[in-house]
Amino acid sequence: MSSTYLVIHMSDSTGTPLARAEDQEILERWATEGDAAGRLGDGGPVAGPEQAKSVAVRDGKTIITDGPFPEFKEWFAGYDLVTADSIDEAAAFMAKHPVAIAGRIYILPLVKLPWDES
């Protein structure tokens, strides 16, 4: 049975930079394969930290802070929703994405909230 995974694309200083044309070629090949296999849901890139906000509520007070966030060593660069029969299958598919070369990818299974479980 297939499951859905949230894939988070992260920057990583240990990654290998890709030329724009190579990045685009690898991404298009990955997307074509994913579309053909029915793996891809919503996804897309996000703006950089200079356009981000952080929101927290502490002691009843809302705290909204502008980015960038100096405590981050990596930056969240985008996301995808991927369907696969296992997290290992999702990981093998995501290894073909250009961010796997230039950055780092995190794969998280989507789960139900405890009160939604039957």
PDB file of N, CA and C in Angstrom:
ATOM      1  N   MET A   1       0.845  -1.183   0.000  1.00  0.00           N
ATOM      2  CA  MET A   1       0.000   0.000   0.000  1.00  0.00           C
ATOM      3  C   MET A   1       0.889   1.244   0.000  1.00  0.00           C
ATOM      4  N   SER A   2       0.569   2.186  -0.837  1.00  0.00           N
ATOM      5  CA  SER A   2       1.370   3.405  -0.954  1.00  0.00           C
ATOM      6  C   SER A   2       1.089   4.358   0.204  1.00  0.00           C
ATOM      7  N   SER A   3       2.116   5.106   0.561  1.00  0.00           N
ATOM      8  CA  SER A   3       2.020   6.142   1.574  1.00  0.00           C
ATOM      9  C   SER A   3       2.496   7.448   0.965  1.00  0.00           C
ATOM     10  N   THR A   4       2.145   8.545   1.623  1.00  0.00           N
ATOM     11  CA  THR A   4       2.587   9.859   1.175  1.00  0.00           C
ATOM     12  C   THR A   4       3.670  10.363   2.116  1.00  0.00           C
ATOM     13  N   TYR A   5       4.693  10.977   1.535  1.00  0.00           N
ATOM     14  CA  TYR A   5       5.844  11.488   2.284  1.00  0.00           C
ATOM     15  C   TYR A   5       6.027  12.965   1.977  1.00  0.00           C
ATOM     16  N   LEU A   6       6.329  13.716   3.013  1.00  0.00           N
ATOM     17  CA  LEU A   6       6.722  15.111   2.843  1.00  0.00           C
ATOM     18  C   LEU A   6       8.222  15.119   2.630  1.00  0.00           C
ATOM     19  N   VAL A   7       8.643  15.693   1.524  1.00  0.00           N
ATOM     20  CA  VAL A   7      10.063  15.777   1.195  1.00  0.00           C
ATOM     21  C   VAL A   7      10.472  17.236   1.358  1.00  0.00           C
ATOM     22  N   ILE A   8      11.467  17.475   2.207  1.00  0.00           N
ATOM     23  CA  ILE A   8      11.938  18.825   2.469  1.00  0.00           C
ATOM     24  C   ILE A   8      13.313  18.997   1.826  1.00  0.00           C
ATOM     25  N   HIS A   9      13.423  20.002   0.990  1.00  0.00           N
ATOM     26  CA  HIS A   9      14.679  20.309   0.298  1.00  0.00           C
ATOM     27  C   HIS A   9      15.445  21.318   1.141  1.00  0.00           C
ATOM     28  N   MET A  10      16.688  20.998   1.480  1.00  0.00           N
ATOM     29  CA  MET A  10      17.502  21.855   2.335  1.00  0.00           C
ATOM     30  C   MET A  10      18.794  22.244   1.627  1.00  0.00           C
ATOM     31  N   SER A  11      19.264  23.441   1.917  1.00  0.00           N
ATOM     32  CA  SER A  11      20.607  23.819   1.477  1.00  0.00           C
ATOM     33  C   SER A  11      21.602  23.063   2.353  1.00  0.00           C
ATOM     34  N   ASP A  12      22.808  22.912   1.885  1.00  0.00           N
ATOM     35  CA  ASP A  12      23.845  22.223   2.660  1.00  0.00           C
ATOM     36  C   ASP A  12      25.195  22.643   2.099  1.00  0.00           C
ATOM     37  N   SER A  13      26.034  23.206   2.937  1.00  0.00           N
ATOM     38  CA  SER A  13      27.335  23.703   2.482  1.00  0.00           C
ATOM     39  C   SER A  13      28.248  22.578   2.006  1.00  0.00           C
ATOM     40  N   THR A  14      27.939  21.324   2.327  1.00  0.00           N
ATOM     41  CA  THR A  14      28.776  20.207   1.879  1.00  0.00           C
ATOM     42  C   THR A  14      28.326  19.662   0.528  1.00  0.00           C
ATOM     43  N   GLY A  15      27.243  20.227  -0.037  1.00  0.00           N
ATOM     44  CA  GLY A  15      26.753  19.772  -1.338  1.00  0.00           C
ATOM     45  C   GLY A  15      27.638  20.237  -2.478  1.00  0.00           C
ATOM     46  N   THR A  16      27.400  19.670  -3.642  1.00  0.00           N
ATOM     47  CA  THR A  16      28.141  20.021  -4.848  1.00  0.00           C
ATOM     48  C   THR A  16      27.314  21.004  -5.678  1.00  0.00           C
ATOM     49  N   PRO A  17      27.815  22.214  -5.887  1.00  0.00           N
ATOM     50  CA  PRO A  17      27.054  23.181  -6.692  1.00  0.00           C
ATOM     51  C   PRO A  17      26.819  22.652  -8.109  1.00  0.00           C
ATOM     52  N   LEU A  18      25.642  22.942  -8.645  1.00  0.00           N
ATOM     53  CA  LEU A  18      25.298  22.537 -10.001  1.00  0.00           C
ATOM     54  C   LEU A  18      25.114  23.774 -10.869  1.00  0.00           C
ATOM     55  N   ALA A  19      25.564  23.683 -12.108  1.00  0.00           N
ATOM     56  CA  ALA A  19      25.287  24.745 -13.075  1.00  0.00           C
ATOM     57  C   ALA A  19      23.780  24.755 -13.330  1.00  0.00           C
ATOM     58  N   ARG A  20      23.243  25.908 -13.643  1.00  0.00           N
ATOM     59  CA  ARG A  20      21.794  26.037 -13.830  1.00  0.00           C
ATOM     60  C   ARG A  20      21.252  25.034 -14.846  1.00  0.00           C
ATOM     61  N   ALA A  21      21.922  24.888 -15.982  1.00  0.00           N
ATOM     62  CA  ALA A  21      21.449  23.965 -17.025  1.00  0.00           C
ATOM     63  C   ALA A  21      21.449  22.524 -16.525  1.00  0.00           C
ATOM     64  N   GLU A  22      22.481  22.133 -15.787  1.00  0.00           N
ATOM     65  CA  GLU A  22      22.543  20.768 -15.260  1.00  0.00           C
ATOM     66  C   GLU A  22      21.458  20.557 -14.205  1.00  0.00           C
ATOM     67  N   ASP A  23      21.257  21.541 -13.342  1.00  0.00           N
ATOM     68  CA  ASP A  23      20.212  21.473 -12.319  1.00  0.00           C
ATOM     69  C   ASP A  23      18.845  21.283 -12.987  1.00  0.00           C
ATOM     70  N   GLN A  24      18.566  22.094 -13.995  1.00  0.00           N
ATOM     71  CA  GLN A  24      17.289  22.031 -14.695  1.00  0.00           C
ATOM     72  C   GLN A  24      17.109  20.683 -15.401  1.00  0.00           C
ATOM     73  N   GLU A  25      18.160  20.180 -16.043  1.00  0.00           N
ATOM     74  CA  GLU A  25      18.090  18.895 -16.746  1.00  0.00           C
ATOM     75  C   GLU A  25      17.788  17.754 -15.776  1.00  0.00           C
ATOM     76  N   ILE A  26      18.490  17.720 -14.646  1.00  0.00           N
ATOM     77  CA  ILE A  26      18.269  16.666 -13.647  1.00  0.00           C
ATOM     78  C   ILE A  26      16.857  16.772 -13.079  1.00  0.00           C
ATOM     79  N   LEU A  27      16.408  18.000 -12.779  1.00  0.00           N
ATOM     80  CA  LEU A  27      15.072  18.201 -12.224  1.00  0.00           C
ATOM     81  C   LEU A  27      13.994  17.760 -13.210  1.00  0.00           C
ATOM     82  N   GLU A  28      14.144  18.109 -14.472  1.00  0.00           N
ATOM     83  CA  GLU A  28      13.151  17.720 -15.480  1.00  0.00           C
ATOM     84  C   GLU A  28      13.096  16.204 -15.645  1.00  0.00           C
ATOM     85  N   ARG A  29      14.237  15.538 -15.633  1.00  0.00           N
ATOM     86  CA  ARG A  29      14.284  14.079 -15.734  1.00  0.00           C
ATOM     87  C   ARG A  29      13.580  13.445 -14.522  1.00  0.00           C
ATOM     88  N   TRP A  30      13.858  13.976 -13.325  1.00  0.00           N
ATOM     89  CA  TRP A  30      13.246  13.489 -12.084  1.00  0.00           C
ATOM     90  C   TRP A  30      11.724  13.674 -12.133  1.00  0.00           C
ATOM     91  N   ALA A  31      11.259  14.856 -12.538  1.00  0.00           N
ATOM     92  CA  ALA A  31       9.829  15.145 -12.589  1.00  0.00           C
ATOM     93  C   ALA A  31       9.116  14.281 -13.619  1.00  0.00           C
ATOM     94  N   THR A  32       9.741  14.058 -14.756  1.00  0.00           N
ATOM     95  CA  THR A  32       9.147  13.200 -15.784  1.00  0.00           C
ATOM     96  C   THR A  32       8.977  11.784 -15.251  1.00  0.00           C
ATOM     97  N   GLU A  33      10.002  11.268 -14.594  1.00  0.00           N
ATOM     98  CA  GLU A  33       9.918   9.924 -14.006  1.00  0.00           C
ATOM     99  C   GLU A  33       8.834   9.876 -12.927  1.00  0.00           C
ATOM    100  N   GLY A  34       8.799  10.885 -12.077  1.00  0.00           N
ATOM    101  CA  GLY A  34       7.802  10.923 -11.002  1.00  0.00           C
ATOM    102  C   GLY A  34       6.386  11.027 -11.515  1.00  0.00           C
ATOM    103  N   ASP A  35       6.171  11.855 -12.543  1.00  0.00           N
ATOM    104  CA  ASP A  35       4.839  11.982 -13.135  1.00  0.00           C
ATOM    105  C   ASP A  35       4.407  10.662 -13.765  1.00  0.00           C
ATOM    106  N   ALA A  36       5.314  10.022 -14.495  1.00  0.00           N
ATOM    107  CA  ALA A  36       4.987   8.758 -15.158  1.00  0.00           C
ATOM    108  C   ALA A  36       4.627   7.668 -14.152  1.00  0.00           C
ATOM    109  N   ALA A  37       5.263   7.689 -12.988  1.00  0.00           N
ATOM    110  CA  ALA A  37       5.008   6.671 -11.962  1.00  0.00           C
ATOM    111  C   ALA A  37       3.859   7.067 -11.030  1.00  0.00           C
ATOM    112  N   GLY A  38       3.296   8.253 -11.212  1.00  0.00           N
ATOM    113  CA  GLY A  38       2.218   8.718 -10.341  1.00  0.00           C
ATOM    114  C   GLY A  38       2.684   9.015  -8.927  1.00  0.00           C
ATOM    115  N   ARG A  39       3.942   9.394  -8.771  1.00  0.00           N
ATOM    116  CA  ARG A  39       4.519   9.652  -7.444  1.00  0.00           C
ATOM    117  C   ARG A  39       4.344  11.074  -6.940  1.00  0.00           C
ATOM    118  N   LEU A  40       4.194  12.044  -7.841  1.00  0.00           N
ATOM    119  CA  LEU A  40       4.296  13.441  -7.439  1.00  0.00           C
ATOM    120  C   LEU A  40       2.960  14.077  -7.100  1.00  0.00           C
ATOM    121  N   GLY A  41       2.924  14.741  -5.950  1.00  0.00           N
ATOM    122  CA  GLY A  41       1.807  15.579  -5.549  1.00  0.00           C
ATOM    123  C   GLY A  41       2.253  17.019  -5.644  1.00  0.00           C
ATOM    124  N   ASP A  42       1.730  17.866  -4.777  1.00  0.00           N
ATOM    125  CA  ASP A  42       2.125  19.268  -4.761  1.00  0.00           C
ATOM    126  C   ASP A  42       3.588  19.407  -4.360  1.00  0.00           C
ATOM    127  N   GLY A  43       4.169  20.507  -4.744  1.00  0.00           N
ATOM    128  CA  GLY A  43       5.541  20.801  -4.370  1.00  0.00           C
ATOM    129  C   GLY A  43       5.979  22.096  -5.000  1.00  0.00           C
ATOM    130  N   GLY A  44       7.120  22.598  -4.560  1.00  0.00           N
ATOM    131  CA  GLY A  44       7.655  23.796  -5.158  1.00  0.00           C
ATOM    132  C   GLY A  44       8.748  24.416  -4.321  1.00  0.00           C
ATOM    133  N   PRO A  45       9.446  25.375  -4.907  1.00  0.00           N
ATOM    134  CA  PRO A  45      10.491  26.090  -4.172  1.00  0.00           C
ATOM    135  C   PRO A  45       9.867  27.143  -3.257  1.00  0.00           C
ATOM    136  N   VAL A  46      10.646  27.619  -2.303  1.00  0.00           N
ATOM    137  CA  VAL A  46      10.198  28.695  -1.418  1.00  0.00           C
ATOM    138  C   VAL A  46      11.224  29.824  -1.459  1.00  0.00           C
ATOM    139  N   ALA A  47      10.802  30.995  -1.012  1.00  0.00           N
ATOM    140  CA  ALA A  47      11.684  32.160  -0.973  1.00  0.00           C
ATOM    141  C   ALA A  47      12.782  31.956   0.065  1.00  0.00           C
ATOM    142  N   GLY A  48      13.800  32.778  -0.012  1.00  0.00           N
ATOM    143  CA  GLY A  48      14.917  32.700   0.919  1.00  0.00           C
ATOM    144  C   GLY A  48      14.594  33.274   2.284  1.00  0.00           C
ATOM    145  N   PRO A  49      15.519  33.145   3.209  1.00  0.00           N
ATOM    146  CA  PRO A  49      15.274  33.575   4.591  1.00  0.00           C
ATOM    147  C   PRO A  49      14.996  35.068   4.730  1.00  0.00           C
ATOM    148  N   GLU A  50      15.463  35.873   3.798  1.00  0.00           N
ATOM    149  CA  GLU A  50      15.236  37.316   3.899  1.00  0.00           C
ATOM    150  C   GLU A  50      13.759  37.676   3.717  1.00  0.00           C
ATOM    151  N   GLN A  51      12.945  36.750   3.216  1.00  0.00           N
ATOM    152  CA  GLN A  51      11.511  36.994   3.046  1.00  0.00           C
ATOM    153  C   GLN A  51      10.663  36.211   4.044  1.00  0.00           C
ATOM    154  N   ALA A  52      11.299  35.522   4.986  1.00  0.00           N
ATOM    155  CA  ALA A  52      10.599  34.629   5.904  1.00  0.00           C
ATOM    156  C   ALA A  52      10.222  35.319   7.214  1.00  0.00           C
ATOM    157  N   LYS A  53       9.317  34.699   7.928  1.00  0.00           N
ATOM    158  CA  LYS A  53       8.906  35.130   9.269  1.00  0.00           C
ATOM    159  C   LYS A  53       8.924  33.901  10.181  1.00  0.00           C
ATOM    160  N   SER A  54       9.140  34.150  11.450  1.00  0.00           N
ATOM    161  CA  SER A  54       9.041  33.128  12.481  1.00  0.00           C
ATOM    162  C   SER A  54       7.903  33.543  13.408  1.00  0.00           C
ATOM    163  N   VAL A  55       7.028  32.600  13.752  1.00  0.00           N
ATOM    164  CA  VAL A  55       5.884  32.895  14.615  1.00  0.00           C
ATOM    165  C   VAL A  55       5.901  31.947  15.804  1.00  0.00           C
ATOM    166  N   ALA A  56       5.755  32.503  16.985  1.00  0.00           N
ATOM    167  CA  ALA A  56       5.659  31.716  18.213  1.00  0.00           C
ATOM    168  C   ALA A  56       4.724  32.440  19.169  1.00  0.00           C
ATOM    169  N   VAL A  57       4.041  31.666  20.004  1.00  0.00           N
ATOM    170  CA  VAL A  57       3.218  32.249  21.063  1.00  0.00           C
ATOM    171  C   VAL A  57       3.802  31.776  22.387  1.00  0.00           C
ATOM    172  N   ARG A  58       4.201  32.725  23.240  1.00  0.00           N
ATOM    173  CA  ARG A  58       4.808  32.432  24.538  1.00  0.00           C
ATOM    174  C   ARG A  58       4.086  33.232  25.603  1.00  0.00           C
ATOM    175  N   ASP A  59       3.615  32.536  26.622  1.00  0.00           N
ATOM    176  CA  ASP A  59       2.881  33.174  27.715  1.00  0.00           C
ATOM    177  C   ASP A  59       1.734  34.039  27.189  1.00  0.00           C
ATOM    178  N   GLY A  60       1.061  33.531  26.155  1.00  0.00           N
ATOM    179  CA  GLY A  60      -0.083  34.239  25.593  1.00  0.00           C
ATOM    180  C   GLY A  60       0.266  35.391  24.668  1.00  0.00           C
ATOM    181  N   LYS A  61       1.548  35.661  24.456  1.00  0.00           N
ATOM    182  CA  LYS A  61       1.989  36.765  23.610  1.00  0.00           C
ATOM    183  C   LYS A  61       2.506  36.222  22.278  1.00  0.00           C
ATOM    184  N   THR A  62       2.015  36.782  21.177  1.00  0.00           N
ATOM    185  CA  THR A  62       2.477  36.387  19.848  1.00  0.00           C
ATOM    186  C   THR A  62       3.768  37.126  19.520  1.00  0.00           C
ATOM    187  N   ILE A  63       4.775  36.359  19.118  1.00  0.00           N
ATOM    188  CA  ILE A  63       6.077  36.927  18.753  1.00  0.00           C
ATOM    189  C   ILE A  63       6.315  36.607  17.281  1.00  0.00           C
ATOM    190  N   ILE A  64       6.402  37.650  16.461  1.00  0.00           N
ATOM    191  CA  ILE A  64       6.667  37.487  15.028  1.00  0.00           C
ATOM    192  C   ILE A  64       8.007  38.135  14.736  1.00  0.00           C
ATOM    193  N   THR A  65       8.914  37.350  14.179  1.00  0.00           N
ATOM    194  CA  THR A  65      10.279  37.802  13.913  1.00  0.00           C
ATOM    195  C   THR A  65      10.569  37.683  12.420  1.00  0.00           C
ATOM    196  N   ASP A  66      11.252  38.670  11.867  1.00  0.00           N
ATOM    197  CA  ASP A  66      11.700  38.600  10.476  1.00  0.00           C
ATOM    198  C   ASP A  66      12.892  37.671  10.360  1.00  0.00           C
ATOM    199  N   GLY A  67      13.030  37.003   9.172  1.00  0.00           N
ATOM    200  CA  GLY A  67      14.240  36.254   8.864  1.00  0.00           C
ATOM    201  C   GLY A  67      15.299  37.252   8.450  1.00  0.00           C
ATOM    202  N   PRO A  68      16.535  36.871   8.226  1.00  0.00           N
ATOM    203  CA  PRO A  68      17.019  35.487   8.291  1.00  0.00           C
ATOM    204  C   PRO A  68      17.211  35.012   9.731  1.00  0.00           C
ATOM    205  N   PHE A  69      17.364  33.731   9.851  1.00  0.00           N
ATOM    206  CA  PHE A  69      17.473  33.103  11.148  1.00  0.00           C
ATOM    207  C   PHE A  69      18.902  32.601  11.339  1.00  0.00           C
ATOM    208  N   PRO A  70      19.716  33.329  12.086  1.00  0.00           N
ATOM    209  CA  PRO A  70      21.141  32.985  12.192  1.00  0.00           C
ATOM    210  C   PRO A  70      21.396  31.625  12.830  1.00  0.00           C
ATOM    211  N   GLU A  71      20.414  31.083  13.564  1.00  0.00           N
ATOM    212  CA  GLU A  71      20.630  29.768  14.179  1.00  0.00           C
ATOM    213  C   GLU A  71      20.544  28.632  13.158  1.00  0.00           C
ATOM    214  N   PHE A  72      20.064  28.919  11.942  1.00  0.00           N
ATOM    215  CA  PHE A  72      19.976  27.887  10.906  1.00  0.00           C
ATOM    216  C   PHE A  72      21.312  27.780  10.178  1.00  0.00           C
ATOM    217  N   LYS A  73      21.828  26.587  10.074  1.00  0.00           N
ATOM    218  CA  LYS A  73      23.019  26.355   9.259  1.00  0.00           C
ATOM    219  C   LYS A  73      22.591  25.945   7.851  1.00  0.00           C
ATOM    220  N   GLU A  74      21.398  25.366   7.740  1.00  0.00           N
ATOM    221  CA  GLU A  74      20.817  24.986   6.457  1.00  0.00           C
ATOM    222  C   GLU A  74      19.580  25.852   6.237  1.00  0.00           C
ATOM    223  N   TRP A  75      19.094  25.922   5.001  1.00  0.00           N
ATOM    224  CA  TRP A  75      17.871  26.650   4.733  1.00  0.00           C
ATOM    225  C   TRP A  75      16.901  25.755   3.977  1.00  0.00           C
ATOM    226  N   PHE A  76      15.636  25.807   4.373  1.00  0.00           N
ATOM    227  CA  PHE A  76      14.546  25.099   3.727  1.00  0.00           C
ATOM    228  C   PHE A  76      14.313  25.755   2.371  1.00  0.00           C
ATOM    229  N   ALA A  77      14.554  25.025   1.296  1.00  0.00           N
ATOM    230  CA  ALA A  77      14.500  25.618  -0.034  1.00  0.00           C
ATOM    231  C   ALA A  77      13.258  25.225  -0.832  1.00  0.00           C
ATOM    232  N   GLY A  78      12.534  24.205  -0.381  1.00  0.00           N
ATOM    233  CA  GLY A  78      11.343  23.781  -1.101  1.00  0.00           C
ATOM    234  C   GLY A  78      10.826  22.471  -0.542  1.00  0.00           C
ATOM    235  N   TYR A  79       9.766  21.983  -1.153  1.00  0.00           N
ATOM    236  CA  TYR A  79       9.146  20.755  -0.658  1.00  0.00           C
ATOM    237  C   TYR A  79       8.470  20.014  -1.804  1.00  0.00           C
ATOM    238  N   ASP A  80       8.184  18.742  -1.576  1.00  0.00           N
ATOM    239  CA  ASP A  80       7.363  17.933  -2.468  1.00  0.00           C
ATOM    240  C   ASP A  80       6.550  16.978  -1.625  1.00  0.00           C
ATOM    241  N   LEU A  81       5.410  16.565  -2.150  1.00  0.00           N
ATOM    242  CA  LEU A  81       4.677  15.440  -1.600  1.00  0.00           C
ATOM    243  C   LEU A  81       4.880  14.297  -2.577  1.00  0.00           C
ATOM    244  N   VAL A  82       5.396  13.182  -2.078  1.00  0.00           N
ATOM    245  CA  VAL A  82       5.753  12.040  -2.916  1.00  0.00           C
ATOM    246  C   VAL A  82       5.018  10.808  -2.407  1.00  0.00           C
ATOM    247  N   THR A  83       4.497  10.008  -3.324  1.00  0.00           N
ATOM    248  CA  THR A  83       3.845   8.753  -2.979  1.00  0.00           C
ATOM    249  C   THR A  83       4.790   7.608  -3.319  1.00  0.00           C
ATOM    250  N   ALA A  84       4.933   6.669  -2.384  1.00  0.00           N
ATOM    251  CA  ALA A  84       5.788   5.511  -2.603  1.00  0.00           C
ATOM    252  C   ALA A  84       5.297   4.362  -1.727  1.00  0.00           C
ATOM    253  N   ASP A  85       5.733   3.147  -2.042  1.00  0.00           N
ATOM    254  CA  ASP A  85       5.338   1.976  -1.261  1.00  0.00           C
ATOM    255  C   ASP A  85       6.083   1.886   0.064  1.00  0.00           C
ATOM    256  N   SER A  86       7.205   2.604   0.173  1.00  0.00           N
ATOM    257  CA  SER A  86       7.977   2.597   1.424  1.00  0.00           C
ATOM    258  C   SER A  86       8.845   3.850   1.460  1.00  0.00           C
ATOM    259  N   ILE A  87       9.342   4.167   2.647  1.00  0.00           N
ATOM    260  CA  ILE A  87      10.235   5.323   2.767  1.00  0.00           C
ATOM    261  C   ILE A  87      11.547   5.058   2.013  1.00  0.00           C
ATOM    262  N   ASP A  88      11.964   3.797   1.944  1.00  0.00           N
ATOM    263  CA  ASP A  88      13.180   3.471   1.189  1.00  0.00           C
ATOM    264  C   ASP A  88      12.970   3.699  -0.307  1.00  0.00           C
ATOM    265  N   GLU A  89      11.785   3.371  -0.805  1.00  0.00           N
ATOM    266  CA  GLU A  89      11.476   3.631  -2.207  1.00  0.00           C
ATOM    267  C   GLU A  89      11.431   5.140  -2.464  1.00  0.00           C
ATOM    268  N   ALA A  90      10.846   5.896  -1.536  1.00  0.00           N
ATOM    269  CA  ALA A  90      10.823   7.358  -1.666  1.00  0.00           C
ATOM    270  C   ALA A  90      12.243   7.915  -1.661  1.00  0.00           C
ATOM    271  N   ALA A  91      13.099   7.369  -0.798  1.00  0.00           N
ATOM    272  CA  ALA A  91      14.489   7.834  -0.721  1.00  0.00           C
ATOM    273  C   ALA A  91      15.240   7.533  -2.018  1.00  0.00           C
ATOM    274  N   ALA A  92      15.026   6.352  -2.584  1.00  0.00           N
ATOM    275  CA  ALA A  92      15.691   6.002  -3.853  1.00  0.00           C
ATOM    276  C   ALA A  92      15.248   6.953  -4.962  1.00  0.00           C
ATOM    277  N   PHE A  93      13.961   7.296  -4.991  1.00  0.00           N
ATOM    278  CA  PHE A  93      13.458   8.243  -5.980  1.00  0.00           C
ATOM    279  C   PHE A  93      14.052   9.631  -5.754  1.00  0.00           C
ATOM    280  N   MET A  94      14.099  10.088  -4.504  1.00  0.00           N
ATOM    281  CA  MET A  94      14.620  11.424  -4.206  1.00  0.00           C
ATOM    282  C   MET A  94      16.127  11.520  -4.424  1.00  0.00           C
ATOM    283  N   ALA A  95      16.833  10.418  -4.431  1.00  0.00           N
ATOM    284  CA  ALA A  95      18.271  10.445  -4.723  1.00  0.00           C
ATOM    285  C   ALA A  95      18.539  10.928  -6.147  1.00  0.00           C
ATOM    286  N   LYS A  96      17.513  10.933  -6.982  1.00  0.00           N
ATOM    287  CA  LYS A  96      17.643  11.384  -8.372  1.00  0.00           C
ATOM    288  C   LYS A  96      17.361  12.883  -8.521  1.00  0.00           C
ATOM    289  N   HIS A  97      16.996  13.556  -7.443  1.00  0.00           N
ATOM    290  CA  HIS A  97      16.658  14.985  -7.471  1.00  0.00           C
ATOM    291  C   HIS A  97      17.947  15.809  -7.361  1.00  0.00           C
ATOM    292  N   PRO A  98      18.043  16.952  -8.045  1.00  0.00           N
ATOM    293  CA  PRO A  98      19.278  17.739  -7.972  1.00  0.00           C
ATOM    294  C   PRO A  98      19.617  18.237  -6.568  1.00  0.00           C
ATOM    295  N   VAL A  99      18.634  18.435  -5.698  1.00  0.00           N
ATOM    296  CA  VAL A  99      18.944  18.878  -4.340  1.00  0.00           C
ATOM    297  C   VAL A  99      19.706  17.798  -3.565  1.00  0.00           C
ATOM    298  N   ALA A 100      19.548  16.541  -3.949  1.00  0.00           N
ATOM    299  CA  ALA A 100      20.326  15.475  -3.303  1.00  0.00           C
ATOM    300  C   ALA A 100      21.820  15.665  -3.570  1.00  0.00           C
ATOM    301  N   ILE A 101      22.150  16.302  -4.675  1.00  0.00           N
ATOM    302  CA  ILE A 101      23.550  16.573  -5.031  1.00  0.00           C
ATOM    303  C   ILE A 101      24.011  17.901  -4.426  1.00  0.00           C
ATOM    304  N   ALA A 102      23.189  18.931  -4.603  1.00  0.00           N
ATOM    305  CA  ALA A 102      23.590  20.283  -4.202  1.00  0.00           C
ATOM    306  C   ALA A 102      23.282  20.593  -2.741  1.00  0.00           C
ATOM    307  N   GLY A 103      22.382  19.852  -2.137  1.00  0.00           N
ATOM    308  CA  GLY A 103      21.973  20.137  -0.765  1.00  0.00           C
ATOM    309  C   GLY A 103      21.725  18.865   0.013  1.00  0.00           C
ATOM    310  N   ARG A 104      20.571  18.797   0.640  1.00  0.00           N
ATOM    311  CA  ARG A 104      20.195  17.632   1.446  1.00  0.00           C
ATOM    312  C   ARG A 104      18.678  17.518   1.380  1.00  0.00           C
ATOM    313  N   ILE A 105      18.172  16.292   1.446  1.00  0.00           N
ATOM    314  CA  ILE A 105      16.730  16.058   1.388  1.00  0.00           C
ATOM    315  C   ILE A 105      16.314  15.276   2.623  1.00  0.00           C
ATOM    316  N   TYR A 106      15.251  15.741   3.267  1.00  0.00           N
ATOM    317  CA  TYR A 106      14.651  15.021   4.393  1.00  0.00           C
ATOM    318  C   TYR A 106      13.326  14.444   3.922  1.00  0.00           C
ATOM    319  N   ILE A 107      13.044  13.214   4.309  1.00  0.00           N
ATOM    320  CA  ILE A 107      11.809  12.532   3.919  1.00  0.00           C
ATOM    321  C   ILE A 107      11.064  12.143   5.185  1.00  0.00           C
ATOM    322  N   LEU A 108       9.824  12.619   5.294  1.00  0.00           N
ATOM    323  CA  LEU A 108       9.019  12.382   6.496  1.00  0.00           C
ATOM    324  C   LEU A 108       7.687  11.741   6.115  1.00  0.00           C
ATOM    325  N   PRO A 109       7.348  10.602   6.705  1.00  0.00           N
ATOM    326  CA  PRO A 109       6.026  10.018   6.436  1.00  0.00           C
ATOM    327  C   PRO A 109       4.931  10.917   7.010  1.00  0.00           C
ATOM    328  N   LEU A 110       3.866  11.113   6.245  1.00  0.00           N
ATOM    329  CA  LEU A 110       2.710  11.826   6.772  1.00  0.00           C
ATOM    330  C   LEU A 110       1.919  10.851   7.629  1.00  0.00           C
ATOM    331  N   VAL A 111       1.467  11.292   8.783  1.00  0.00           N
ATOM    332  CA  VAL A 111       0.703  10.444   9.707  1.00  0.00           C
ATOM    333  C   VAL A 111      -0.564  11.186  10.118  1.00  0.00           C
ATOM    334  N   LYS A 112      -1.484  10.466  10.701  1.00  0.00           N
ATOM    335  CA  LYS A 112      -2.715  11.078  11.200  1.00  0.00           C
ATOM    336  C   LYS A 112      -2.481  11.650  12.592  1.00  0.00           C
ATOM    337  N   LEU A 113      -3.237  12.658  12.917  1.00  0.00           N
ATOM    338  CA  LEU A 113      -3.238  13.197  14.282  1.00  0.00           C
ATOM    339  C   LEU A 113      -3.826  12.128  15.203  1.00  0.00           C
ATOM    340  N   PRO A 114      -3.377  12.078  16.443  1.00  0.00           N
ATOM    341  CA  PRO A 114      -3.871  11.022  17.339  1.00  0.00           C
ATOM    342  C   PRO A 114      -5.396  10.977  17.440  1.00  0.00           C
ATOM    343  N   TRP A 115      -6.079  12.122  17.393  1.00  0.00           N
ATOM    344  CA  TRP A 115      -7.531  12.123  17.510  1.00  0.00           C
ATOM    345  C   TRP A 115      -8.227  11.768  16.208  1.00  0.00           C
ATOM    346  N   ASP A 116      -7.467  11.660  15.094  1.00  0.00           N
ATOM    347  CA  ASP A 116      -8.045  11.252  13.822  1.00  0.00           C
ATOM    348  C   ASP A 116      -7.895   9.760  13.557  1.00  0.00           C
ATOM    349  N   GLU A 117      -7.137   9.073  14.387  1.00  0.00           N
ATOM    350  CA  GLU A 117      -6.920   7.640  14.186  1.00  0.00           C
ATOM    351  C   GLU A 117      -8.156   6.865  14.600  1.00  0.00           C
ATOM    352  N   SER A 118      -8.457   5.840  13.838  1.00  0.00           N
ATOM    353  CA  SER A 118      -9.614   5.016  14.159  1.00  0.00           C
ATOM    354  C   SER A 118      -9.205   3.776  14.932  1.00  0.00           C
TER     355      SER A 118
END
